[in-house]
Amino acid sequence: MPTRSIEKLISETIDSLDGAKRAEPKPFLLTRVMASINNRVSGQNSWTKLGAFISRPGVAFTGLLLVILLNVTIFITSKNNTERSDIGQNNAAAKDEFAINAATIYDIENPEQ
């Protein structure tokens, strides 16, 4: 390319920037952006709302205490039940220990007889 055409293109490009102004946002742009964000947050589905409710410290702590209380109650109840049932089952357990019916490959069946 000739040198003159490159210089001409450069000067045209520089001259095109003469009318440029600083970009200005529309009035109350920040207010509209914040309102849009708040609308998205309030438009959550029910699972998100439930998760937000459960993740509150008071609700989470109460739920954890209920689970621990339930586990302790089940443990104590099952311990008392096994102590009562062990009294009568000791003899039966000893008898049933040797009464296992297990089929092995050495048990021969002859269906023709």
PDB file of N, CA and C in Angstrom:
ATOM      1  N   MET A   1       0.840  -1.176   0.000  1.00  0.00           N
ATOM      2  CA  MET A   1       0.000   0.000   0.000  1.00  0.00           C
ATOM      3  C   MET A   1       0.889   1.246   0.000  1.00  0.00           C
ATOM      4  N   PRO A   2       0.417   2.202  -0.719  1.00  0.00           N
ATOM      5  CA  PRO A   2       1.204   3.446  -0.709  1.00  0.00           C
ATOM      6  C   PRO A   2       1.128   4.136   0.638  1.00  0.00           C
ATOM      7  N   THR A   3       2.144   4.890   0.948  1.00  0.00           N
ATOM      8  CA  THR A   3       2.244   5.577   2.222  1.00  0.00           C
ATOM      9  C   THR A   3       1.154   6.613   2.381  1.00  0.00           C
ATOM     10  N   ARG A   4       0.758   7.245   1.331  1.00  0.00           N
ATOM     11  CA  ARG A   4      -0.274   8.283   1.392  1.00  0.00           C
ATOM     12  C   ARG A   4      -1.621   7.711   1.832  1.00  0.00           C
ATOM     13  N   SER A   5      -1.992   6.546   1.346  1.00  0.00           N
ATOM     14  CA  SER A   5      -3.300   5.983   1.704  1.00  0.00           C
ATOM     15  C   SER A   5      -3.323   5.542   3.172  1.00  0.00           C
ATOM     16  N   ILE A   6      -2.218   5.058   3.684  1.00  0.00           N
ATOM     17  CA  ILE A   6      -2.156   4.664   5.099  1.00  0.00           C
ATOM     18  C   ILE A   6      -2.270   5.906   5.971  1.00  0.00           C
ATOM     19  N   GLU A   7      -1.568   6.977   5.608  1.00  0.00           N
ATOM     20  CA  GLU A   7      -1.651   8.219   6.375  1.00  0.00           C
ATOM     21  C   GLU A   7      -3.049   8.801   6.316  1.00  0.00           C
ATOM     22  N   LYS A   8      -3.686   8.666   5.171  1.00  0.00           N
ATOM     23  CA  LYS A   8      -5.058   9.159   5.019  1.00  0.00           C
ATOM     24  C   LYS A   8      -6.009   8.366   5.920  1.00  0.00           C
ATOM     25  N   LEU A   9      -5.865   7.039   5.973  1.00  0.00           N
ATOM     26  CA  LEU A   9      -6.704   6.193   6.836  1.00  0.00           C
ATOM     27  C   LEU A   9      -6.481   6.526   8.310  1.00  0.00           C
ATOM     28  N   ILE A  10      -5.247   6.762   8.683  1.00  0.00           N
ATOM     29  CA  ILE A  10      -4.931   7.097  10.063  1.00  0.00           C
ATOM     30  C   ILE A  10      -5.572   8.429  10.445  1.00  0.00           C
ATOM     31  N   SER A  11      -5.459   9.412   9.568  1.00  0.00           N
ATOM     32  CA  SER A  11      -6.035  10.721   9.880  1.00  0.00           C
ATOM     33  C   SER A  11      -7.557  10.658   9.925  1.00  0.00           C
ATOM     34  N   GLU A  12      -8.184   9.861   9.083  1.00  0.00           N
ATOM     35  CA  GLU A  12      -9.634   9.693   9.132  1.00  0.00           C
ATOM     36  C   GLU A  12     -10.066   9.024  10.444  1.00  0.00           C
ATOM     37  N   THR A  13      -9.308   8.055  10.888  1.00  0.00           N
ATOM     38  CA  THR A  13      -9.625   7.371  12.138  1.00  0.00           C
ATOM     39  C   THR A  13      -9.502   8.321  13.321  1.00  0.00           C
ATOM     40  N   ILE A  14      -8.472   9.113  13.347  1.00  0.00           N
ATOM     41  CA  ILE A  14      -8.274  10.079  14.433  1.00  0.00           C
ATOM     42  C   ILE A  14      -9.346  11.152  14.395  1.00  0.00           C
ATOM     43  N   ASP A  15      -9.716  11.607  13.207  1.00  0.00           N
ATOM     44  CA  ASP A  15     -10.754  12.626  13.071  1.00  0.00           C
ATOM     45  C   ASP A  15     -12.130  12.100  13.482  1.00  0.00           C
ATOM     46  N   SER A  16     -12.361  10.797  13.354  1.00  0.00           N
ATOM     47  CA  SER A  16     -13.662  10.234  13.738  1.00  0.00           C
ATOM     48  C   SER A  16     -13.877  10.289  15.252  1.00  0.00           C
ATOM     49  N   LEU A  17     -12.825  10.417  16.013  1.00  0.00           N
ATOM     50  CA  LEU A  17     -12.939  10.489  17.472  1.00  0.00           C
ATOM     51  C   LEU A  17     -13.206  11.904  17.969  1.00  0.00           C
ATOM     52  N   ASP A  18     -13.223  12.917  17.072  1.00  0.00           N
ATOM     53  CA  ASP A  18     -13.410  14.302  17.490  1.00  0.00           C
ATOM     54  C   ASP A  18     -14.786  14.528  18.111  1.00  0.00           C
ATOM     55  N   GLY A  19     -15.816  13.874  17.652  1.00  0.00           N
ATOM     56  CA  GLY A  19     -17.167  14.106  18.158  1.00  0.00           C
ATOM     57  C   GLY A  19     -17.546  13.164  19.297  1.00  0.00           C
ATOM     58  N   ALA A  20     -16.616  12.382  19.793  1.00  0.00           N
ATOM     59  CA  ALA A  20     -16.929  11.410  20.848  1.00  0.00           C
ATOM     60  C   ALA A  20     -17.125  12.115  22.177  1.00  0.00           C
ATOM     61  N   LYS A  21     -18.117  11.649  22.938  1.00  0.00           N
ATOM     62  CA  LYS A  21     -18.397  12.196  24.270  1.00  0.00           C
ATOM     63  C   LYS A  21     -18.309  11.077  25.294  1.00  0.00           C
ATOM     64  N   ARG A  22     -18.247  11.494  26.512  1.00  0.00           N
ATOM     65  CA  ARG A  22     -18.218  10.521  27.615  1.00  0.00           C
ATOM     66  C   ARG A  22     -19.600   9.868  27.734  1.00  0.00           C
ATOM     67  N   ALA A  23     -19.618   8.565  27.901  1.00  0.00           N
ATOM     68  CA  ALA A  23     -20.882   7.850  28.030  1.00  0.00           C
ATOM     69  C   ALA A  23     -21.485   8.124  29.405  1.00  0.00           C
ATOM     70  N   GLU A  24     -22.786   8.398  29.415  1.00  0.00           N
ATOM     71  CA  GLU A  24     -23.484   8.676  30.675  1.00  0.00           C
ATOM     72  C   GLU A  24     -24.631   7.692  30.823  1.00  0.00           C
ATOM     73  N   PRO A  25     -24.792   7.116  32.007  1.00  0.00           N
ATOM     74  CA  PRO A  25     -25.898   6.175  32.204  1.00  0.00           C
ATOM     75  C   PRO A  25     -27.222   6.910  32.292  1.00  0.00           C
ATOM     76  N   LYS A  26     -28.298   6.173  32.051  1.00  0.00           N
ATOM     77  CA  LYS A  26     -29.628   6.755  32.187  1.00  0.00           C
ATOM     78  C   LYS A  26     -29.877   7.067  33.659  1.00  0.00           C
ATOM     79  N   PRO A  27     -30.775   7.996  33.923  1.00  0.00           N
ATOM     80  CA  PRO A  27     -31.050   8.331  35.327  1.00  0.00           C
ATOM     81  C   PRO A  27     -31.611   7.112  36.082  1.00  0.00           C
ATOM     82  N   PHE A  28     -31.254   6.981  37.346  1.00  0.00           N
ATOM     83  CA  PHE A  28     -31.716   5.935  38.252  1.00  0.00           C
ATOM     84  C   PHE A  28     -31.360   4.524  37.768  1.00  0.00           C
ATOM     85  N   LEU A  29     -30.216   4.397  37.080  1.00  0.00           N
ATOM     86  CA  LEU A  29     -29.785   3.082  36.608  1.00  0.00           C
ATOM     87  C   LEU A  29     -29.517   2.148  37.779  1.00  0.00           C
ATOM     88  N   LEU A  30     -28.823   2.611  38.800  1.00  0.00           N
ATOM     89  CA  LEU A  30     -28.508   1.769  39.952  1.00  0.00           C
ATOM     90  C   LEU A  30     -29.778   1.307  40.660  1.00  0.00           C
ATOM     91  N   THR A  31     -30.763   2.185  40.768  1.00  0.00           N
ATOM     92  CA  THR A  31     -32.025   1.818  41.411  1.00  0.00           C
ATOM     93  C   THR A  31     -32.728   0.716  40.630  1.00  0.00           C
ATOM     94  N   ARG A  32     -32.729   0.821  39.307  1.00  0.00           N
ATOM     95  CA  ARG A  32     -33.378  -0.205  38.493  1.00  0.00           C
ATOM     96  C   ARG A  32     -32.628  -1.539  38.563  1.00  0.00           C
ATOM     97  N   VAL A  33     -31.301  -1.494  38.604  1.00  0.00           N
ATOM     98  CA  VAL A  33     -30.515  -2.729  38.715  1.00  0.00           C
ATOM     99  C   VAL A  33     -30.785  -3.408  40.054  1.00  0.00           C
ATOM    100  N   MET A  34     -30.809  -2.638  41.133  1.00  0.00           N
ATOM    101  CA  MET A  34     -31.065  -3.215  42.453  1.00  0.00           C
ATOM    102  C   MET A  34     -32.484  -3.782  42.546  1.00  0.00           C
ATOM    103  N   ALA A  35     -33.460  -3.108  41.940  1.00  0.00           N
ATOM    104  CA  ALA A  35     -34.834  -3.627  41.930  1.00  0.00           C
ATOM    105  C   ALA A  35     -34.910  -4.938  41.168  1.00  0.00           C
ATOM    106  N   SER A  36     -34.189  -5.058  40.080  1.00  0.00           N
ATOM    107  CA  SER A  36     -34.174  -6.299  39.308  1.00  0.00           C
ATOM    108  C   SER A  36     -33.558  -7.434  40.119  1.00  0.00           C
ATOM    109  N   ILE A  37     -32.479  -7.139  40.834  1.00  0.00           N
ATOM    110  CA  ILE A  37     -31.836  -8.157  41.673  1.00  0.00           C
ATOM    111  C   ILE A  37     -32.786  -8.601  42.787  1.00  0.00           C
ATOM    112  N   ASN A  38     -33.464  -7.662  43.416  1.00  0.00           N
ATOM    113  CA  ASN A  38     -34.403  -8.006  44.489  1.00  0.00           C
ATOM    114  C   ASN A  38     -35.578  -8.825  43.970  1.00  0.00           C
ATOM    115  N   ASN A  39     -36.039  -8.559  42.756  1.00  0.00           N
ATOM    116  CA  ASN A  39     -37.127  -9.341  42.177  1.00  0.00           C
ATOM    117  C   ASN A  39     -36.690 -10.770  41.920  1.00  0.00           C
ATOM    118  N   ARG A  40     -35.463 -10.970  41.504  1.00  0.00           N
ATOM    119  CA  ARG A  40     -34.964 -12.334  41.279  1.00  0.00           C
ATOM    120  C   ARG A  40     -34.834 -13.086  42.590  1.00  0.00           C
ATOM    121  N   VAL A  41     -34.378 -12.409  43.618  1.00  0.00           N
ATOM    122  CA  VAL A  41     -34.207 -13.063  44.917  1.00  0.00           C
ATOM    123  C   VAL A  41     -35.559 -13.432  45.500  1.00  0.00           C
ATOM    124  N   SER A  42     -36.545 -12.544  45.408  1.00  0.00           N
ATOM    125  CA  SER A  42     -37.855 -12.836  45.981  1.00  0.00           C
ATOM    126  C   SER A  42     -38.622 -13.831  45.130  1.00  0.00           C
ATOM    127  N   GLY A  43     -38.230 -14.058  43.897  1.00  0.00           N
ATOM    128  CA  GLY A  43     -38.907 -15.001  43.025  1.00  0.00           C
ATOM    129  C   GLY A  43     -38.324 -16.403  43.091  1.00  0.00           C
ATOM    130  N   GLN A  44     -37.774 -16.772  44.221  1.00  0.00           N
ATOM    131  CA  GLN A  44     -37.162 -18.090  44.362  1.00  0.00           C
ATOM    132  C   GLN A  44     -38.237 -19.165  44.437  1.00  0.00           C
ATOM    133  N   ASN A  45     -37.847 -20.386  44.113  1.00  0.00           N
ATOM    134  CA  ASN A  45     -38.796 -21.481  44.229  1.00  0.00           C
ATOM    135  C   ASN A  45     -38.888 -21.962  45.677  1.00  0.00           C
ATOM    136  N   SER A  46     -39.797 -22.888  45.925  1.00  0.00           N
ATOM    137  CA  SER A  46     -40.060 -23.311  47.303  1.00  0.00           C
ATOM    138  C   SER A  46     -38.876 -24.061  47.919  1.00  0.00           C
ATOM    139  N   TRP A  47     -38.105 -24.801  47.110  1.00  0.00           N
ATOM    140  CA  TRP A  47     -36.957 -25.525  47.660  1.00  0.00           C
ATOM    141  C   TRP A  47     -35.878 -24.552  48.152  1.00  0.00           C
ATOM    142  N   THR A  48     -35.684 -23.484  47.440  1.00  0.00           N
ATOM    143  CA  THR A  48     -34.692 -22.493  47.855  1.00  0.00           C
ATOM    144  C   THR A  48     -35.132 -21.807  49.141  1.00  0.00           C
ATOM    145  N   LYS A  49     -36.429 -21.500  49.230  1.00  0.00           N
ATOM    146  CA  LYS A  49     -36.944 -20.879  50.453  1.00  0.00           C
ATOM    147  C   LYS A  49     -36.832 -21.838  51.635  1.00  0.00           C
ATOM    148  N   LEU A  50     -37.130 -23.125  51.395  1.00  0.00           N
ATOM    149  CA  LEU A  50     -37.009 -24.118  52.467  1.00  0.00           C
ATOM    150  C   LEU A  50     -35.556 -24.252  52.919  1.00  0.00           C
ATOM    151  N   GLY A  51     -34.626 -24.272  51.971  1.00  0.00           N
ATOM    152  CA  GLY A  51     -33.211 -24.347  52.319  1.00  0.00           C
ATOM    153  C   GLY A  51     -32.744 -23.139  53.112  1.00  0.00           C
ATOM    154  N   ALA A  52     -33.238 -21.973  52.732  1.00  0.00           N
ATOM    155  CA  ALA A  52     -32.868 -20.761  53.466  1.00  0.00           C
ATOM    156  C   ALA A  52     -33.431 -20.795  54.881  1.00  0.00           C
ATOM    157  N   PHE A  53     -34.636 -21.340  55.041  1.00  0.00           N
ATOM    158  CA  PHE A  53     -35.234 -21.429  56.374  1.00  0.00           C
ATOM    159  C   PHE A  53     -34.487 -22.433  57.248  1.00  0.00           C
ATOM    160  N   ILE A  54     -34.151 -23.588  56.685  1.00  0.00           N
ATOM    161  CA  ILE A  54     -33.462 -24.632  57.459  1.00  0.00           C
ATOM    162  C   ILE A  54     -32.054 -24.202  57.827  1.00  0.00           C
ATOM    163  N   SER A  55     -31.420 -23.390  56.996  1.00  0.00           N
ATOM    164  CA  SER A  55     -30.034 -23.000  57.270  1.00  0.00           C
ATOM    165  C   SER A  55     -29.910 -21.918  58.336  1.00  0.00           C
ATOM    166  N   ARG A  56     -31.014 -21.413  58.832  1.00  0.00           N
ATOM    167  CA  ARG A  56     -30.937 -20.452  59.939  1.00  0.00           C
ATOM    168  C   ARG A  56     -30.372 -21.163  61.159  1.00  0.00           C
ATOM    169  N   PRO A  57     -29.525 -20.483  61.928  1.00  0.00           N
ATOM    170  CA  PRO A  57     -28.862 -21.150  63.057  1.00  0.00           C
ATOM    171  C   PRO A  57     -29.836 -21.717  64.084  1.00  0.00           C
ATOM    172  N   GLY A  58     -30.895 -21.014  64.401  1.00  0.00           N
ATOM    173  CA  GLY A  58     -31.843 -21.503  65.405  1.00  0.00           C
ATOM    174  C   GLY A  58     -32.554 -22.767  64.953  1.00  0.00           C
ATOM    175  N   VAL A  59     -32.959 -22.795  63.683  1.00  0.00           N
ATOM    176  CA  VAL A  59     -33.659 -23.962  63.156  1.00  0.00           C
ATOM    177  C   VAL A  59     -32.705 -25.143  63.029  1.00  0.00           C
ATOM    178  N   ALA A  60     -31.503 -24.896  62.553  1.00  0.00           N
ATOM    179  CA  ALA A  60     -30.524 -25.978  62.397  1.00  0.00           C
ATOM    180  C   ALA A  60     -30.142 -26.573  63.753  1.00  0.00           C
ATOM    181  N   PHE A  61     -29.936 -25.732  64.742  1.00  0.00           N
ATOM    182  CA  PHE A  61     -29.561 -26.212  66.074  1.00  0.00           C
ATOM    183  C   PHE A  61     -30.696 -27.024  66.694  1.00  0.00           C
ATOM    184  N   THR A  62     -31.937 -26.554  66.550  1.00  0.00           N
ATOM    185  CA  THR A  62     -33.089 -27.276  67.085  1.00  0.00           C
ATOM    186  C   THR A  62     -33.253 -28.626  66.392  1.00  0.00           C
ATOM    187  N   GLY A  63     -33.090 -28.665  65.090  1.00  0.00           N
ATOM    188  CA  GLY A  63     -33.186 -29.933  64.356  1.00  0.00           C
ATOM    189  C   GLY A  63     -32.111 -30.911  64.774  1.00  0.00           C
ATOM    190  N   LEU A  64     -30.902 -30.412  64.975  1.00  0.00           N
ATOM    191  CA  LEU A  64     -29.807 -31.274  65.420  1.00  0.00           C
ATOM    192  C   LEU A  64     -30.084 -31.848  66.804  1.00  0.00           C
ATOM    193  N   LEU A  65     -30.604 -31.035  67.701  1.00  0.00           N
ATOM    194  CA  LEU A  65     -30.952 -31.529  69.038  1.00  0.00           C
ATOM    195  C   LEU A  65     -32.053 -32.586  68.984  1.00  0.00           C
ATOM    196  N   LEU A  66     -33.030 -32.396  68.103  1.00  0.00           N
ATOM    197  CA  LEU A  66     -34.105 -33.388  67.966  1.00  0.00           C
ATOM    198  C   LEU A  66     -33.569 -34.722  67.448  1.00  0.00           C
ATOM    199  N   VAL A  67     -32.666 -34.676  66.496  1.00  0.00           N
ATOM    200  CA  VAL A  67     -32.082 -35.913  65.971  1.00  0.00           C
ATOM    201  C   VAL A  67     -31.281 -36.629  67.046  1.00  0.00           C
ATOM    202  N   ILE A  68     -30.487 -35.894  67.811  1.00  0.00           N
ATOM    203  CA  ILE A  68     -29.705 -36.507  68.893  1.00  0.00           C
ATOM    204  C   ILE A  68     -30.626 -37.091  69.951  1.00  0.00           C
ATOM    205  N   LEU A  69     -31.672 -36.376  70.328  1.00  0.00           N
ATOM    206  CA  LEU A  69     -32.632 -36.868  71.315  1.00  0.00           C
ATOM    207  C   LEU A  69     -33.325 -38.130  70.823  1.00  0.00           C
ATOM    208  N   LEU A  70     -33.689 -38.171  69.565  1.00  0.00           N
ATOM    209  CA  LEU A  70     -34.323 -39.357  68.994  1.00  0.00           C
ATOM    210  C   LEU A  70     -33.370 -40.548  69.010  1.00  0.00           C
ATOM    211  N   ASN A  71     -32.118 -40.341  68.675  1.00  0.00           N
ATOM    212  CA  ASN A  71     -31.133 -41.425  68.695  1.00  0.00           C
ATOM    213  C   ASN A  71     -30.917 -41.963  70.105  1.00  0.00           C
ATOM    214  N   VAL A  72     -30.817 -41.079  71.070  1.00  0.00           N
ATOM    215  CA  VAL A  72     -30.619 -41.521  72.457  1.00  0.00           C
ATOM    216  C   VAL A  72     -31.832 -42.307  72.929  1.00  0.00           C
ATOM    217  N   THR A  73     -33.031 -41.833  72.592  1.00  0.00           N
ATOM    218  CA  THR A  73     -34.253 -42.531  72.999  1.00  0.00           C
ATOM    219  C   THR A  73     -34.318 -43.924  72.386  1.00  0.00           C
ATOM    220  N   ILE A  74     -34.008 -44.045  71.121  1.00  0.00           N
ATOM    221  CA  ILE A  74     -34.030 -45.356  70.461  1.00  0.00           C
ATOM    222  C   ILE A  74     -32.971 -46.266  71.070  1.00  0.00           C
ATOM    223  N   PHE A  75     -31.803 -45.748  71.368  1.00  0.00           N
ATOM    224  CA  PHE A  75     -30.735 -46.560  71.955  1.00  0.00           C
ATOM    225  C   PHE A  75     -31.150 -47.090  73.323  1.00  0.00           C
ATOM    226  N   ILE A  76     -31.718 -46.231  74.161  1.00  0.00           N
ATOM    227  CA  ILE A  76     -32.131 -46.667  75.502  1.00  0.00           C
ATOM    228  C   ILE A  76     -33.274 -47.662  75.403  1.00  0.00           C
ATOM    229  N   THR A  77     -34.229 -47.421  74.532  1.00  0.00           N
ATOM    230  CA  THR A  77     -35.367 -48.329  74.382  1.00  0.00           C
ATOM    231  C   THR A  77     -34.917 -49.685  73.861  1.00  0.00           C
ATOM    232  N   SER A  78     -34.042 -49.718  72.891  1.00  0.00           N
ATOM    233  CA  SER A  78     -33.587 -50.999  72.343  1.00  0.00           C
ATOM    234  C   SER A  78     -32.731 -51.749  73.353  1.00  0.00           C
ATOM    235  N   LYS A  79     -31.987 -51.046  74.174  1.00  0.00           N
ATOM    236  CA  LYS A  79     -31.170 -51.702  75.194  1.00  0.00           C
ATOM    237  C   LYS A  79     -32.068 -52.389  76.222  1.00  0.00           C
ATOM    238  N   ASN A  80     -33.153 -51.728  76.645  1.00  0.00           N
ATOM    239  CA  ASN A  80     -34.091 -52.338  77.594  1.00  0.00           C
ATOM    240  C   ASN A  80     -34.805 -53.525  76.973  1.00  0.00           C
ATOM    241  N   ASN A  81     -35.175 -53.450  75.712  1.00  0.00           N
ATOM    242  CA  ASN A  81     -35.863 -54.556  75.054  1.00  0.00           C
ATOM    243  C   ASN A  81     -34.959 -55.766  74.895  1.00  0.00           C
ATOM    244  N   THR A  82     -33.677 -55.567  74.598  1.00  0.00           N
ATOM    245  CA  THR A  82     -32.775 -56.702  74.436  1.00  0.00           C
ATOM    246  C   THR A  82     -32.498 -57.364  75.772  1.00  0.00           C
ATOM    247  N   GLU A  83     -32.450 -56.604  76.847  1.00  0.00           N
ATOM    248  CA  GLU A  83     -32.241 -57.206  78.166  1.00  0.00           C
ATOM    249  C   GLU A  83     -33.424 -58.079  78.542  1.00  0.00           C
ATOM    250  N   ARG A  84     -34.627 -57.657  78.246  1.00  0.00           N
ATOM    251  CA  ARG A  84     -35.818 -58.452  78.557  1.00  0.00           C
ATOM    252  C   ARG A  84     -35.898 -59.689  77.676  1.00  0.00           C
ATOM    253  N   SER A  85     -35.588 -59.568  76.397  1.00  0.00           N
ATOM    254  CA  SER A  85     -35.744 -60.701  75.492  1.00  0.00           C
ATOM    255  C   SER A  85     -34.592 -61.685  75.610  1.00  0.00           C
ATOM    256  N   ASP A  86     -33.430 -61.279  76.098  1.00  0.00           N
ATOM    257  CA  ASP A  86     -32.295 -62.189  76.238  1.00  0.00           C
ATOM    258  C   ASP A  86     -32.537 -63.243  77.307  1.00  0.00           C
ATOM    259  N   ILE A  87     -33.381 -62.970  78.278  1.00  0.00           N
ATOM    260  CA  ILE A  87     -33.599 -63.907  79.373  1.00  0.00           C
ATOM    261  C   ILE A  87     -34.195 -65.213  78.859  1.00  0.00           C
ATOM    262  N   GLY A  88     -35.219 -65.148  78.013  1.00  0.00           N
ATOM    263  CA  GLY A  88     -35.871 -66.352  77.530  1.00  0.00           C
ATOM    264  C   GLY A  88     -35.246 -66.927  76.287  1.00  0.00           C
ATOM    265  N   GLN A  89     -34.410 -66.224  75.596  1.00  0.00           N
ATOM    266  CA  GLN A  89     -33.887 -66.700  74.330  1.00  0.00           C
ATOM    267  C   GLN A  89     -32.511 -67.334  74.438  1.00  0.00           C
ATOM    268  N   ASN A  90     -31.895 -67.335  75.588  1.00  0.00           N
ATOM    269  CA  ASN A  90     -30.557 -67.911  75.702  1.00  0.00           C
ATOM    270  C   ASN A  90     -30.572 -69.397  75.390  1.00  0.00           C
ATOM    271  N   ASN A  91     -31.543 -70.121  75.904  1.00  0.00           N
ATOM    272  CA  ASN A  91     -31.612 -71.553  75.648  1.00  0.00           C
ATOM    273  C   ASN A  91     -31.974 -71.828  74.194  1.00  0.00           C
ATOM    274  N   ALA A  92     -32.897 -71.062  73.662  1.00  0.00           N
ATOM    275  CA  ALA A  92     -33.307 -71.263  72.277  1.00  0.00           C
ATOM    276  C   ALA A  92     -32.164 -70.939  71.321  1.00  0.00           C
ATOM    277  N   ALA A  93     -31.371 -69.943  71.624  1.00  0.00           N
ATOM    278  CA  ALA A  93     -30.253 -69.579  70.763  1.00  0.00           C
ATOM    279  C   ALA A  93     -29.200 -70.674  70.748  1.00  0.00           C
ATOM    280  N   ALA A  94     -28.968 -71.309  71.882  1.00  0.00           N
ATOM    281  CA  ALA A  94     -27.985 -72.392  71.937  1.00  0.00           C
ATOM    282  C   ALA A  94     -28.463 -73.594  71.144  1.00  0.00           C
ATOM    283  N   LYS A  95     -29.748 -73.877  71.162  1.00  0.00           N
ATOM    284  CA  LYS A  95     -30.287 -75.016  70.410  1.00  0.00           C
ATOM    285  C   LYS A  95     -30.285 -74.716  68.920  1.00  0.00           C
ATOM    286  N   ASP A  96     -30.629 -73.507  68.537  1.00  0.00           N
ATOM    287  CA  ASP A  96     -30.718 -73.161  67.127  1.00  0.00           C
ATOM    288  C   ASP A  96     -29.353 -72.992  66.468  1.00  0.00           C
ATOM    289  N   GLU A  97     -28.323 -72.871  67.250  1.00  0.00           N
ATOM    290  CA  GLU A  97     -27.002 -72.664  66.680  1.00  0.00           C
ATOM    291  C   GLU A  97     -26.554 -73.866  65.869  1.00  0.00           C
ATOM    292  N   PHE A  98     -26.928 -75.056  66.301  1.00  0.00           N
ATOM    293  CA  PHE A  98     -26.502 -76.272  65.608  1.00  0.00           C
ATOM    294  C   PHE A  98     -27.568 -76.800  64.654  1.00  0.00           C
ATOM    295  N   ALA A  99     -28.696 -76.151  64.539  1.00  0.00           N
ATOM    296  CA  ALA A  99     -29.771 -76.623  63.681  1.00  0.00           C
ATOM    297  C   ALA A  99     -29.801 -75.848  62.377  1.00  0.00           C
ATOM    298  N   ILE A 100     -28.679 -75.801  61.687  1.00  0.00           N
ATOM    299  CA  ILE A 100     -28.589 -75.063  60.433  1.00  0.00           C
ATOM    300  C   ILE A 100     -28.807 -76.042  59.288  1.00  0.00           C
ATOM    301  N   ASN A 101     -29.730 -75.717  58.434  1.00  0.00           N
ATOM    302  CA  ASN A 101     -29.982 -76.533  57.250  1.00  0.00           C
ATOM    303  C   ASN A 101     -29.335 -75.842  56.067  1.00  0.00           C
ATOM    304  N   ALA A 102     -28.238 -76.388  55.624  1.00  0.00           N
ATOM    305  CA  ALA A 102     -27.526 -75.789  54.506  1.00  0.00           C
ATOM    306  C   ALA A 102     -27.366 -76.834  53.424  1.00  0.00           C
ATOM    307  N   ALA A 103     -27.734 -76.469  52.228  1.00  0.00           N
ATOM    308  CA  ALA A 103     -27.565 -77.370  51.098  1.00  0.00           C
ATOM    309  C   ALA A 103     -26.154 -77.205  50.560  1.00  0.00           C
ATOM    310  N   THR A 104     -25.501 -78.296  50.292  1.00  0.00           N
ATOM    311  CA  THR A 104     -24.144 -78.250  49.744  1.00  0.00           C
ATOM    312  C   THR A 104     -24.132 -78.985  48.416  1.00  0.00           C
ATOM    313  N   ILE A 105     -23.021 -78.919  47.757  1.00  0.00           N
ATOM    314  CA  ILE A 105     -22.906 -79.614  46.475  1.00  0.00           C
ATOM    315  C   ILE A 105     -22.751 -81.117  46.680  1.00  0.00           C
ATOM    316  N   TYR A 106     -22.497 -81.507  47.923  1.00  0.00           N
ATOM    317  CA  TYR A 106     -22.318 -82.940  48.196  1.00  0.00           C
ATOM    318  C   TYR A 106     -23.648 -83.641  48.455  1.00  0.00           C
ATOM    319  N   ASP A 107     -24.730 -82.881  48.641  1.00  0.00           N
ATOM    320  CA  ASP A 107     -26.035 -83.485  48.801  1.00  0.00           C
ATOM    321  C   ASP A 107     -26.529 -83.930  47.420  1.00  0.00           C
ATOM    322  N   ILE A 108     -26.697 -85.226  47.282  1.00  0.00           N
ATOM    323  CA  ILE A 108     -27.057 -85.781  45.983  1.00  0.00           C
ATOM    324  C   ILE A 108     -28.558 -86.030  45.946  1.00  0.00           C
ATOM    325  N   GLU A 109     -29.185 -85.559  44.891  1.00  0.00           N
ATOM    326  CA  GLU A 109     -30.602 -85.818  44.693  1.00  0.00           C
ATOM    327  C   GLU A 109     -30.731 -86.691  43.462  1.00  0.00           C
ATOM    328  N   ASN A 110     -31.535 -87.694  43.571  1.00  0.00           N
ATOM    329  CA  ASN A 110     -31.783 -88.561  42.437  1.00  0.00           C
ATOM    330  C   ASN A 110     -33.272 -88.476  42.117  1.00  0.00           C
ATOM    331  N   PRO A 111     -33.646 -87.673  41.136  1.00  0.00           N
ATOM    332  CA  PRO A 111     -35.070 -87.495  40.852  1.00  0.00           C
ATOM    333  C   PRO A 111     -35.705 -88.720  40.184  1.00  0.00           C
ATOM    334  N   GLU A 112     -34.932 -89.686  39.689  1.00  0.00           N
ATOM    335  CA  GLU A 112     -35.484 -90.853  39.011  1.00  0.00           C
ATOM    336  C   GLU A 112     -36.026 -91.881  39.998  1.00  0.00           C
ATOM    337  N   GLN A 113     -35.648 -91.852  41.228  1.00  0.00           N
ATOM    338  CA  GLN A 113     -36.114 -92.850  42.200  1.00  0.00           C
ATOM    339  C   GLN A 113     -37.386 -92.478  42.843  1.00  0.00           C
TER     340      GLN A 113
END
